[in-house]
């Protein structure tokens, strides 16, 4: 029987985040409590999101709308790195949000250690930006995935590169 493998990596489905941003922007544009606030929710570069409004209070409320849409699209809130609100020109307030897309080295080590602790016949390998898990039995690999999902790691984890 050939050996199977998959990768555990940090990141999110960018299309789902894009859909959530568009939905949040549409909701903010039509909601009465955002009327005349000129509130903006949009991409800021490749991996950033800009939330801006007339006051810190409205910017925070718009951020909550964005969070709600992200959760509804089944994207982990751990994928969002939210900066503190800051004032920009004209008395407006801005919140910068960046997407977490790298697996921290200490978390990768923890995942490898947790996989080894299961005593299943799989081989976890820390590849730097992801962890590769290889094994002969598909059931063992699925059990590892279930274990990783059940632990509340502090990063948005996904499984990729099934072979």
Protein backbone atom coordinates (compact mmCIF):
# COMPACT_ATOMS: atom_id res chain seq x y z
CA UNK A 1 0.00 0.00 0.00
CA UNK A 2 1.38 3.42 -0.95
CA UNK A 3 1.99 6.06 1.68
CA UNK A 4 -0.45 8.98 1.83
CA UNK A 5 0.22 12.45 3.17
CA UNK A 6 -1.26 15.90 3.69
CA UNK A 7 -0.03 19.29 4.89
CA UNK A 8 -1.25 21.32 7.85
CA UNK A 9 -0.81 25.01 7.07
CA UNK A 10 -2.07 28.37 8.26
CA UNK A 11 -4.28 30.44 6.04
CA UNK A 12 -7.77 31.05 4.77
CA UNK A 13 -9.71 30.79 1.56
CA UNK A 14 -9.10 34.25 0.12
CA UNK A 15 -12.25 34.08 -2.03
CA UNK A 16 -14.39 33.55 1.08
CA UNK A 17 -12.74 36.55 2.77
CA UNK A 18 -13.37 38.62 -0.38
CA UNK A 19 -17.03 37.59 -0.35
CA UNK A 20 -17.31 38.51 3.35
CA UNK A 21 -15.75 41.96 2.70
CA UNK A 22 -18.19 42.61 -0.16
CA UNK A 23 -21.18 41.51 1.93
CA UNK A 24 -20.09 43.65 4.89
CA UNK A 25 -19.54 46.69 2.65
CA UNK A 26 -23.02 46.25 1.14
CA UNK A 27 -24.64 45.92 4.58
CA UNK A 28 -22.84 49.00 5.94
CA UNK A 29 -23.90 50.98 2.86
CA UNK A 30 -27.59 50.18 3.44
CA UNK A 31 -27.90 50.21 7.25
CA UNK A 32 -29.56 53.22 8.85
CA UNK A 33 -27.05 53.48 11.72
CA UNK A 34 -24.26 53.95 9.15
CA UNK A 35 -26.10 56.63 7.18
CA UNK A 36 -23.90 59.69 6.40
CA UNK A 37 -20.83 58.08 8.02
CA UNK A 38 -19.06 57.35 4.72
CA UNK A 39 -17.93 54.01 6.21
CA UNK A 40 -15.52 51.95 4.10
CA UNK A 41 -14.66 48.23 4.29
CA UNK A 42 -12.22 47.23 1.54
CA UNK A 43 -9.00 45.42 0.66
CA UNK A 44 -5.84 47.29 1.51
CA UNK A 45 -3.06 45.64 -0.47
CA UNK A 46 -2.79 41.85 -0.87
CA UNK A 47 -3.33 40.69 2.70
CA UNK A 48 -4.88 43.69 4.43
CA UNK A 49 -8.38 45.02 5.04
CA UNK A 50 -9.19 48.68 5.77
CA UNK A 51 -12.18 49.60 7.94
CA UNK A 52 -12.71 53.35 8.12
CA UNK A 53 -15.52 55.62 9.36
CA UNK A 54 -16.27 59.05 10.85
CA UNK A 55 -15.62 57.92 14.44
CA UNK A 56 -13.91 55.14 16.34
CA UNK A 57 -17.33 53.92 17.48
CA UNK A 58 -18.64 53.56 13.91
CA UNK A 59 -15.37 51.95 12.75
CA UNK A 60 -15.66 49.36 15.54
CA UNK A 61 -19.29 48.70 14.60
CA UNK A 62 -18.29 48.20 10.95
CA UNK A 63 -15.55 45.79 12.11
CA UNK A 64 -18.21 43.77 13.95
CA UNK A 65 -20.27 43.58 10.74
CA UNK A 66 -17.15 42.29 8.93
CA UNK A 67 -16.48 39.71 11.68
CA UNK A 68 -20.08 38.50 11.45
CA UNK A 69 -19.81 38.03 7.68
CA UNK A 70 -16.46 36.24 8.01
CA UNK A 71 -17.90 33.77 10.54
CA UNK A 72 -20.92 33.13 8.32
CA UNK A 73 -18.56 32.25 5.46
CA UNK A 74 -16.93 29.66 7.76
CA UNK A 75 -13.59 31.49 7.99
CA UNK A 76 -11.87 31.44 11.38
CA UNK A 77 -11.66 34.75 13.22
CA UNK A 78 -8.13 33.67 14.18
CA UNK A 79 -7.22 34.60 10.61
CA UNK A 80 -7.75 38.28 11.43
CA UNK A 81 -5.01 40.31 13.08
CA UNK A 82 -6.83 43.49 14.12
CA UNK A 83 -4.82 46.63 14.90
CA UNK A 84 -5.95 49.32 17.33
CA UNK A 85 -8.10 52.09 15.84
CA UNK A 86 -6.18 55.17 14.81
CA UNK A 87 -7.18 58.65 13.73
CA UNK A 88 -6.64 59.66 10.14
CA UNK A 89 -7.21 62.99 8.40
CA UNK A 90 -10.51 64.79 8.81
CA UNK A 91 -11.27 63.31 12.24
CA UNK A 92 -11.92 59.88 10.75
CA UNK A 93 -10.99 56.65 12.47
CA UNK A 94 -9.36 53.67 10.78
CA UNK A 95 -8.82 50.05 11.81
CA UNK A 96 -6.29 48.02 9.85
CA UNK A 97 -6.85 44.27 9.69
CA UNK A 98 -4.30 41.85 8.26
CA UNK A 99 -4.78 38.21 7.34
CA UNK A 100 -2.70 35.62 9.19
CA UNK A 101 -1.22 33.28 6.59
CA UNK A 102 1.94 31.87 8.14
CA UNK A 103 2.32 29.07 10.64
CA UNK A 104 4.42 30.28 13.61
CA UNK A 105 7.46 28.07 14.28
CA UNK A 106 6.51 27.41 17.90
CA UNK A 107 3.00 26.34 16.87
CA UNK A 108 4.42 23.98 14.22
CA UNK A 109 6.59 22.37 16.92
CA UNK A 110 3.56 22.01 19.20
CA UNK A 111 1.52 20.38 16.42
CA UNK A 112 4.33 17.88 15.66
CA UNK A 113 4.64 17.07 19.39
CA UNK A 114 0.85 16.58 19.72
CA UNK A 115 0.76 14.31 16.65
CA UNK A 116 3.61 12.17 18.02
CA UNK A 117 1.77 11.93 21.35
CA UNK A 118 -1.16 10.17 19.63
CA UNK A 119 1.06 7.09 19.07
CA UNK A 120 -0.52 6.58 15.63
CA UNK A 121 1.69 5.22 12.86
CA UNK A 122 2.18 8.55 11.11
CA UNK A 123 5.24 10.70 10.53
CA UNK A 124 4.87 14.44 11.17
CA UNK A 125 7.57 16.61 9.58
CA UNK A 126 8.04 20.30 10.36
CA UNK A 127 8.60 21.92 6.95
CA UNK A 128 8.95 25.48 8.25
CA UNK A 129 5.79 27.13 6.95
CA UNK A 130 3.71 23.92 7.21
CA UNK A 131 3.66 20.48 8.81
CA UNK A 132 3.56 17.41 6.54
CA UNK A 133 1.92 14.31 7.96
CA UNK A 134 2.56 10.98 6.19
CA UNK A 135 1.22 7.52 6.95
CA UNK A 136 0.16 4.25 5.36
CA UNK A 137 -3.39 4.16 6.70
CA UNK A 138 -5.90 6.77 5.58
CA UNK A 139 -7.82 6.22 8.84
CA UNK A 140 -4.76 7.31 10.84
CA UNK A 141 -4.45 10.48 8.77
CA UNK A 142 -8.14 11.25 9.27
CA UNK A 143 -7.74 10.71 13.00
CA UNK A 144 -4.86 13.22 13.02
CA UNK A 145 -7.07 15.76 11.21
CA UNK A 146 -9.83 15.26 13.78
CA UNK A 147 -7.32 15.72 16.61
CA UNK A 148 -5.95 18.94 15.06
CA UNK A 149 -9.50 20.30 14.59
CA UNK A 150 -10.43 19.46 18.19
CA UNK A 151 -7.44 21.32 19.68
CA UNK A 152 -7.86 25.08 19.83
CA UNK A 153 -4.60 26.14 18.21
CA UNK A 154 -4.05 29.89 17.96
CA UNK A 155 -3.99 30.03 14.16
CA UNK A 156 -6.39 29.43 11.28
CA UNK A 157 -5.33 25.92 10.23
CA UNK A 158 -6.29 24.11 7.04
CA UNK A 159 -5.35 20.85 5.39
CA UNK A 160 -3.88 20.81 1.89
CA UNK A 161 -1.89 18.75 -0.65
CA UNK A 162 -3.50 15.36 -0.13
CA UNK A 163 -1.40 12.72 -1.82
